[in-house]
């Protein structure tokens, strides 16, 4: 979807038995905070760009059916 420079990233810990709802909520909250930080850095001219090297296979798209089945087999749930 986007292979441009990375302007900010945050790593989140995954709880032992996450629900899809809790994961979405946590990532959206973290993403909102990160966007705010990136916009402030851009406005002040202090932003740092990192190349997004697609060949490193660090991009995760929407999960496949098999990944969803594995998620559920590990005890993950949607709600």
PDB file of N, CA and C in Angstrom:
ATOM      1  N   UNK A   1       0.836  -1.183   0.000  1.00  0.00           N
ATOM      2  CA  UNK A   1       0.000   0.000   0.000  1.00  0.00           C
ATOM      3  C   UNK A   1       0.875   1.238   0.000  1.00  0.00           C
ATOM      4  N   UNK A   2       1.863   1.279   0.882  1.00  0.00           N
ATOM      5  CA  UNK A   2       2.728   2.449   1.009  1.00  0.00           C
ATOM      6  C   UNK A   2       4.151   1.971   1.211  1.00  0.00           C
ATOM      7  N   UNK A   3       5.015   2.310   0.292  1.00  0.00           N
ATOM      8  CA  UNK A   3       6.405   1.893   0.419  1.00  0.00           C
ATOM      9  C   UNK A   3       7.317   3.113   0.554  1.00  0.00           C
ATOM     10  N   UNK A   4       6.754   4.211   1.073  1.00  0.00           N
ATOM     11  CA  UNK A   4       7.540   5.416   1.271  1.00  0.00           C
ATOM     12  C   UNK A   4       8.373   5.329   2.532  1.00  0.00           C
ATOM     13  N   UNK A   5       9.077   6.410   2.832  1.00  0.00           N
ATOM     14  CA  UNK A   5       9.928   6.466   4.023  1.00  0.00           C
ATOM     15  C   UNK A   5       9.091   6.303   5.289  1.00  0.00           C
ATOM     16  N   UNK A   6       9.703   5.741   6.308  1.00  0.00           N
ATOM     17  CA  UNK A   6       9.063   5.563   7.604  1.00  0.00           C
ATOM     18  C   UNK A   6       9.362   6.805   8.433  1.00  0.00           C
ATOM     19  N   UNK A   7       8.312   7.472   8.896  1.00  0.00           N
ATOM     20  CA  UNK A   7       8.470   8.687   9.680  1.00  0.00           C
ATOM     21  C   UNK A   7       8.344   8.422  11.175  1.00  0.00           C
ATOM     22  N   UNK A   8       7.802   7.296  11.543  1.00  0.00           N
ATOM     23  CA  UNK A   8       7.675   6.961  12.957  1.00  0.00           C
ATOM     24  C   UNK A   8       7.178   5.537  13.109  1.00  0.00           C
ATOM     25  N   UNK A   9       7.606   4.910  14.172  1.00  0.00           N
ATOM     26  CA  UNK A   9       7.156   3.551  14.482  1.00  0.00           C
ATOM     27  C   UNK A   9       7.053   3.401  15.980  1.00  0.00           C
ATOM     28  N   UNK A  10       6.231   2.474  16.395  1.00  0.00           N
ATOM     29  CA  UNK A  10       6.131   2.138  17.813  1.00  0.00           C
ATOM     30  C   UNK A  10       5.930   0.627  17.906  1.00  0.00           C
ATOM     31  N   UNK A  11       6.563   0.023  18.882  1.00  0.00           N
ATOM     32  CA  UNK A  11       6.422  -1.417  19.100  1.00  0.00           C
ATOM     33  C   UNK A  11       5.499  -1.627  20.297  1.00  0.00           C
ATOM     34  N   UNK A  12       4.552  -2.536  20.144  1.00  0.00           N
ATOM     35  CA  UNK A  12       3.610  -2.834  21.212  1.00  0.00           C
ATOM     36  C   UNK A  12       3.769  -4.277  21.648  1.00  0.00           C
ATOM     37  N   UNK A  13       3.637  -4.508  22.939  1.00  0.00           N
ATOM     38  CA  UNK A  13       3.641  -5.871  23.454  1.00  0.00           C
ATOM     39  C   UNK A  13       2.284  -6.502  23.189  1.00  0.00           C
ATOM     40  N   UNK A  14       2.284  -7.783  22.902  1.00  0.00           N
ATOM     41  CA  UNK A  14       1.040  -8.507  22.665  1.00  0.00           C
ATOM     42  C   UNK A  14       0.640  -9.229  23.939  1.00  0.00           C
ATOM     43  N   UNK A  15      -0.579  -8.985  24.420  1.00  0.00           N
ATOM     44  CA  UNK A  15      -1.024  -9.697  25.617  1.00  0.00           C
ATOM     45  C   UNK A  15      -1.138 -11.194  25.357  1.00  0.00           C
ATOM     46  N   UNK A  16      -1.151 -11.992  26.415  1.00  0.00           N
ATOM     47  CA  UNK A  16      -1.177 -13.452  26.283  1.00  0.00           C
ATOM     48  C   UNK A  16      -2.396 -13.949  25.506  1.00  0.00           C
ATOM     49  N   UNK A  17      -3.567 -13.405  25.767  1.00  0.00           N
ATOM     50  CA  UNK A  17      -4.802 -13.844  25.102  1.00  0.00           C
ATOM     51  C   UNK A  17      -5.560 -12.627  24.585  1.00  0.00           C
ATOM     52  N   UNK A  18      -5.059 -12.035  23.495  1.00  0.00           N
ATOM     53  CA  UNK A  18      -5.696 -10.813  23.004  1.00  0.00           C
ATOM     54  C   UNK A  18      -6.991 -11.101  22.257  1.00  0.00           C
ATOM     55  N   UNK A  19      -7.920 -10.169  22.342  1.00  0.00           N
ATOM     56  CA  UNK A  19      -9.086 -10.232  21.458  1.00  0.00           C
ATOM     57  C   UNK A  19      -8.788  -9.308  20.284  1.00  0.00           C
ATOM     58  N   UNK A  20      -9.447  -9.531  19.180  1.00  0.00           N
ATOM     59  CA  UNK A  20      -9.256  -8.670  18.019  1.00  0.00           C
ATOM     60  C   UNK A  20      -9.615  -7.230  18.395  1.00  0.00           C
ATOM     61  N   UNK A  21     -10.682  -7.079  19.186  1.00  0.00           N
ATOM     62  CA  UNK A  21     -11.118  -5.752  19.616  1.00  0.00           C
ATOM     63  C   UNK A  21     -10.027  -5.058  20.426  1.00  0.00           C
ATOM     64  N   UNK A  22      -9.412  -5.764  21.379  1.00  0.00           N
ATOM     65  CA  UNK A  22      -8.388  -5.125  22.211  1.00  0.00           C
ATOM     66  C   UNK A  22      -7.152  -4.771  21.393  1.00  0.00           C
ATOM     67  N   UNK A  23      -6.802  -5.614  20.426  1.00  0.00           N
ATOM     68  CA  UNK A  23      -5.644  -5.329  19.575  1.00  0.00           C
ATOM     69  C   UNK A  23      -5.927  -4.101  18.700  1.00  0.00           C
ATOM     70  N   UNK A  24      -7.105  -4.047  18.119  1.00  0.00           N
ATOM     71  CA  UNK A  24      -7.467  -2.894  17.286  1.00  0.00           C
ATOM     72  C   UNK A  24      -7.481  -1.627  18.124  1.00  0.00           C
ATOM     73  N   UNK A  25      -8.097  -1.685  19.302  1.00  0.00           N
ATOM     74  CA  UNK A  25      -8.161  -0.508  20.171  1.00  0.00           C
ATOM     75  C   UNK A  25      -6.761  -0.021  20.546  1.00  0.00           C
ATOM     76  N   UNK A  26      -5.899  -0.941  20.975  1.00  0.00           N
ATOM     77  CA  UNK A  26      -4.553  -0.558  21.393  1.00  0.00           C
ATOM     78  C   UNK A  26      -3.732   0.001  20.240  1.00  0.00           C
ATOM     79  N   UNK A  27      -3.823  -0.628  19.068  1.00  0.00           N
ATOM     80  CA  UNK A  27      -3.035  -0.134  17.936  1.00  0.00           C
ATOM     81  C   UNK A  27      -3.554   1.211  17.433  1.00  0.00           C
ATOM     82  N   UNK A  28      -4.867   1.425  17.471  1.00  0.00           N
ATOM     83  CA  UNK A  28      -5.425   2.719  17.038  1.00  0.00           C
ATOM     84  C   UNK A  28      -5.017   3.822  18.009  1.00  0.00           C
ATOM     85  N   UNK A  29      -5.032   3.535  19.311  1.00  0.00           N
ATOM     86  CA  UNK A  29      -4.615   4.536  20.294  1.00  0.00           C
ATOM     87  C   UNK A  29      -3.126   4.864  20.125  1.00  0.00           C
ATOM     88  N   UNK A  30      -2.304   3.833  19.965  1.00  0.00           N
ATOM     89  CA  UNK A  30      -0.866   4.048  19.777  1.00  0.00           C
ATOM     90  C   UNK A  30      -0.607   4.787  18.464  1.00  0.00           C
ATOM     91  N   UNK A  31      -1.338   4.435  17.419  1.00  0.00           N
ATOM     92  CA  UNK A  31      -1.189   5.099  16.130  1.00  0.00           C
ATOM     93  C   UNK A  31      -1.556   6.567  16.202  1.00  0.00           C
ATOM     94  N   UNK A  32      -2.603   6.887  16.935  1.00  0.00           N
ATOM     95  CA  UNK A  32      -3.001   8.284  17.104  1.00  0.00           C
ATOM     96  C   UNK A  32      -1.924   9.090  17.811  1.00  0.00           C
ATOM     97  N   UNK A  33      -1.357   8.522  18.878  1.00  0.00           N
ATOM     98  CA  UNK A  33      -0.272   9.207  19.586  1.00  0.00           C
ATOM     99  C   UNK A  33       0.939   9.385  18.674  1.00  0.00           C
ATOM    100  N   UNK A  34       1.245   8.350  17.889  1.00  0.00           N
ATOM    101  CA  UNK A  34       2.401   8.407  16.996  1.00  0.00           C
ATOM    102  C   UNK A  34       2.217   9.457  15.906  1.00  0.00           C
ATOM    103  N   UNK A  35       1.037   9.528  15.325  1.00  0.00           N
ATOM    104  CA  UNK A  35       0.771  10.535  14.292  1.00  0.00           C
ATOM    105  C   UNK A  35       0.980  11.930  14.868  1.00  0.00           C
ATOM    106  N   UNK A  36       0.508  12.151  16.078  1.00  0.00           N
ATOM    107  CA  UNK A  36       0.690  13.456  16.721  1.00  0.00           C
ATOM    108  C   UNK A  36       2.179  13.780  16.875  1.00  0.00           C
ATOM    109  N   UNK A  37       2.964  12.810  17.323  1.00  0.00           N
ATOM    110  CA  UNK A  37       4.404  13.016  17.484  1.00  0.00           C
ATOM    111  C   UNK A  37       5.083  13.303  16.139  1.00  0.00           C
ATOM    112  N   UNK A  38       4.694  12.568  15.102  1.00  0.00           N
ATOM    113  CA  UNK A  38       5.302  12.746  13.780  1.00  0.00           C
ATOM    114  C   UNK A  38       4.953  14.122  13.204  1.00  0.00           C
ATOM    115  N   UNK A  39       3.698  14.540  13.361  1.00  0.00           N
ATOM    116  CA  UNK A  39       3.295  15.853  12.851  1.00  0.00           C
ATOM    117  C   UNK A  39       4.084  16.955  13.564  1.00  0.00           C
ATOM    118  N   UNK A  40       4.245  16.839  14.883  1.00  0.00           N
ATOM    119  CA  UNK A  40       5.030  17.835  15.626  1.00  0.00           C
ATOM    120  C   UNK A  40       6.479  17.851  15.139  1.00  0.00           C
ATOM    121  N   UNK A  41       7.056  16.676  14.909  1.00  0.00           N
ATOM    122  CA  UNK A  41       8.440  16.603  14.428  1.00  0.00           C
ATOM    123  C   UNK A  41       8.565  17.207  13.032  1.00  0.00           C
ATOM    124  N   UNK A  42       7.593  16.952  12.167  1.00  0.00           N
ATOM    125  CA  UNK A  42       7.613  17.547  10.832  1.00  0.00           C
ATOM    126  C   UNK A  42       7.505  19.062  10.909  1.00  0.00           C
ATOM    127  N   UNK A  43       6.633  19.554  11.777  1.00  0.00           N
ATOM    128  CA  UNK A  43       6.438  21.001  11.909  1.00  0.00           C
ATOM    129  C   UNK A  43       7.687  21.700  12.442  1.00  0.00           C
ATOM    130  N   UNK A  44       8.422  21.014  13.307  1.00  0.00           N
ATOM    131  CA  UNK A  44       9.612  21.631  13.894  1.00  0.00           C
ATOM    132  C   UNK A  44      10.863  21.383  13.059  1.00  0.00           C
ATOM    133  N   UNK A  45      10.737  20.565  12.020  1.00  0.00           N
ATOM    134  CA  UNK A  45      11.883  20.260  11.162  1.00  0.00           C
ATOM    135  C   UNK A  45      12.824  19.232  11.767  1.00  0.00           C
ATOM    136  N   UNK A  46      12.359  18.522  12.776  1.00  0.00           N
ATOM    137  CA  UNK A  46      13.229  17.543  13.440  1.00  0.00           C
ATOM    138  C   UNK A  46      12.865  16.094  13.117  1.00  0.00           C
ATOM    139  N   UNK A  47      12.060  15.894  12.082  1.00  0.00           N
ATOM    140  CA  UNK A  47      11.663  14.534  11.752  1.00  0.00           C
ATOM    141  C   UNK A  47      12.838  13.743  11.182  1.00  0.00           C
ATOM    142  N   UNK A  48      12.846  12.473  11.472  1.00  0.00           N
ATOM    143  CA  UNK A  48      13.872  11.571  10.944  1.00  0.00           C
ATOM    144  C   UNK A  48      13.189  10.531  10.077  1.00  0.00           C
ATOM    145  N   UNK A  49      13.701  10.365   8.885  1.00  0.00           N
ATOM    146  CA  UNK A  49      13.126   9.386   7.962  1.00  0.00           C
ATOM    147  C   UNK A  49      14.001   8.142   7.928  1.00  0.00           C
ATOM    148  N   UNK A  50      13.337   7.000   7.874  1.00  0.00           N
ATOM    149  CA  UNK A  50      14.037   5.733   7.713  1.00  0.00           C
ATOM    150  C   UNK A  50      13.523   5.098   6.433  1.00  0.00           C
ATOM    151  N   UNK A  51      14.410   4.500   5.648  1.00  0.00           N
ATOM    152  CA  UNK A  51      13.921   3.853   4.430  1.00  0.00           C
ATOM    153  C   UNK A  51      13.034   2.665   4.776  1.00  0.00           C
ATOM    154  N   UNK A  52      12.037   2.447   3.966  1.00  0.00           N
ATOM    155  CA  UNK A  52      11.155   1.299   4.124  1.00  0.00           C
ATOM    156  C   UNK A  52      11.603   0.258   3.101  1.00  0.00           C
ATOM    157  N   UNK A  53      12.375  -0.710   3.552  1.00  0.00           N
ATOM    158  CA  UNK A  53      12.942  -1.711   2.657  1.00  0.00           C
ATOM    159  C   UNK A  53      11.964  -2.885   2.576  1.00  0.00           C
ATOM    160  N   UNK A  54      11.174  -2.885   1.515  1.00  0.00           N
ATOM    161  CA  UNK A  54      10.132  -3.904   1.369  1.00  0.00           C
ATOM    162  C   UNK A  54      10.715  -5.313   1.292  1.00  0.00           C
ATOM    163  N   UNK A  55      11.939  -5.453   0.826  1.00  0.00           N
ATOM    164  CA  UNK A  55      12.535  -6.783   0.689  1.00  0.00           C
ATOM    165  C   UNK A  55      12.867  -7.416   2.036  1.00  0.00           C
ATOM    166  N   UNK A  56      12.817  -6.642   3.120  1.00  0.00           N
ATOM    167  CA  UNK A  56      13.101  -7.196   4.447  1.00  0.00           C
ATOM    168  C   UNK A  56      11.901  -7.948   5.011  1.00  0.00           C
ATOM    169  N   UNK A  57      10.787  -7.953   4.287  1.00  0.00           N
ATOM    170  CA  UNK A  57       9.573  -8.658   4.710  1.00  0.00           C
ATOM    171  C   UNK A  57       9.105  -8.236   6.093  1.00  0.00           C
ATOM    172  N   UNK A  58       9.110  -6.948   6.364  1.00  0.00           N
ATOM    173  CA  UNK A  58       8.636  -6.454   7.647  1.00  0.00           C
ATOM    174  C   UNK A  58       7.268  -5.793   7.532  1.00  0.00           C
ATOM    175  N   UNK A  59       6.639  -5.921   6.384  1.00  0.00           N
ATOM    176  CA  UNK A  59       5.310  -5.365   6.193  1.00  0.00           C
ATOM    177  C   UNK A  59       4.297  -6.484   6.375  1.00  0.00           C
ATOM    178  N   UNK A  60       3.295  -6.219   7.176  1.00  0.00           N
ATOM    179  CA  UNK A  60       2.267  -7.217   7.431  1.00  0.00           C
ATOM    180  C   UNK A  60       0.945  -6.716   6.881  1.00  0.00           C
ATOM    181  N   UNK A  61       0.394  -7.464   5.946  1.00  0.00           N
ATOM    182  CA  UNK A  61      -0.873  -7.080   5.348  1.00  0.00           C
ATOM    183  C   UNK A  61      -2.013  -7.706   6.156  1.00  0.00           C
ATOM    184  N   UNK A  62      -3.201  -7.597   5.626  1.00  0.00           N
ATOM    185  CA  UNK A  62      -4.367  -8.206   6.262  1.00  0.00           C
ATOM    186  C   UNK A  62      -4.097  -9.698   6.426  1.00  0.00           C
ATOM    187  N   UNK A  63      -4.471 -10.302   7.568  1.00  0.00           N
ATOM    188  CA  UNK A  63      -4.145 -11.716   7.785  1.00  0.00           C
ATOM    189  C   UNK A  63      -4.849 -12.654   6.806  1.00  0.00           C
ATOM    190  N   UNK A  64      -4.146 -13.715   6.477  1.00  0.00           N
ATOM    191  CA  UNK A  64      -4.728 -14.748   5.617  1.00  0.00           C
ATOM    192  C   UNK A  64      -5.666 -15.612   6.455  1.00  0.00           C
ATOM    193  N   UNK A  65      -6.454 -16.439   5.800  1.00  0.00           N
ATOM    194  CA  UNK A  65      -7.351 -17.362   6.504  1.00  0.00           C
ATOM    195  C   UNK A  65      -6.536 -18.265   7.425  1.00  0.00           C
ATOM    196  N   UNK A  66      -5.396 -18.731   6.948  1.00  0.00           N
ATOM    197  CA  UNK A  66      -4.547 -19.610   7.757  1.00  0.00           C
ATOM    198  C   UNK A  66      -4.030 -18.887   9.002  1.00  0.00           C
ATOM    199  N   UNK A  67      -3.657 -17.616   8.863  1.00  0.00           N
ATOM    200  CA  UNK A  67      -3.178 -16.856  10.014  1.00  0.00           C
ATOM    201  C   UNK A  67      -4.294 -16.633  11.031  1.00  0.00           C
ATOM    202  N   UNK A  68      -5.501 -16.408  10.561  1.00  0.00           N
ATOM    203  CA  UNK A  68      -6.639 -16.255  11.477  1.00  0.00           C
ATOM    204  C   UNK A  68      -6.897 -17.557  12.204  1.00  0.00           C
ATOM    205  N   UNK A  69      -6.820 -18.682  11.501  1.00  0.00           N
ATOM    206  CA  UNK A  69      -7.019 -19.981  12.139  1.00  0.00           C
ATOM    207  C   UNK A  69      -5.944 -20.235  13.194  1.00  0.00           C
ATOM    208  N   UNK A  70      -4.716 -19.870  12.898  1.00  0.00           N
ATOM    209  CA  UNK A  70      -3.627 -20.031  13.866  1.00  0.00           C
ATOM    210  C   UNK A  70      -3.857 -19.129  15.083  1.00  0.00           C
ATOM    211  N   UNK A  71      -4.287 -17.914  14.850  1.00  0.00           N
ATOM    212  CA  UNK A  71      -4.604 -16.967  15.921  1.00  0.00           C
ATOM    213  C   UNK A  71      -5.648 -17.571  16.861  1.00  0.00           C
ATOM    214  N   UNK A  72      -6.710 -18.141  16.283  1.00  0.00           N
ATOM    215  CA  UNK A  72      -7.766 -18.747  17.092  1.00  0.00           C
ATOM    216  C   UNK A  72      -7.273 -20.000  17.816  1.00  0.00           C
ATOM    217  N   UNK A  73      -6.411 -20.781  17.150  1.00  0.00           N
ATOM    218  CA  UNK A  73      -5.891 -22.003  17.770  1.00  0.00           C
ATOM    219  C   UNK A  73      -5.018 -21.678  18.982  1.00  0.00           C
ATOM    220  N   UNK A  74      -4.395 -20.498  18.971  1.00  0.00           N
ATOM    221  CA  UNK A  74      -3.562 -20.077  20.108  1.00  0.00           C
ATOM    222  C   UNK A  74      -4.407 -19.430  21.207  1.00  0.00           C
ATOM    223  N   UNK A  75      -5.716 -19.411  21.038  1.00  0.00           N
ATOM    224  CA  UNK A  75      -6.587 -18.843  22.053  1.00  0.00           C
ATOM    225  C   UNK A  75      -7.025 -17.429  21.767  1.00  0.00           C
ATOM    226  N   UNK A  76      -6.640 -16.873  20.606  1.00  0.00           N
ATOM    227  CA  UNK A  76      -7.072 -15.525  20.248  1.00  0.00           C
ATOM    228  C   UNK A  76      -8.554 -15.519  19.948  1.00  0.00           C
ATOM    229  N   UNK A  77      -9.186 -14.389  20.202  1.00  0.00           N
ATOM    230  CA  UNK A  77     -10.623 -14.269  19.947  1.00  0.00           C
ATOM    231  C   UNK A  77     -10.915 -12.903  19.386  1.00  0.00           C
ATOM    232  N   UNK A  78     -12.026 -12.774  18.681  1.00  0.00           N
ATOM    233  CA  UNK A  78     -12.387 -11.502  18.063  1.00  0.00           C
ATOM    234  C   UNK A  78     -12.953 -10.519  19.078  1.00  0.00           C
ATOM    235  N   UNK A  79     -13.740 -10.983  20.007  1.00  0.00           N
ATOM    236  CA  UNK A  79     -14.306 -10.099  21.036  1.00  0.00           C
ATOM    237  C   UNK A  79     -14.213 -10.775  22.385  1.00  0.00           C
TER     238      UNK A  79
END
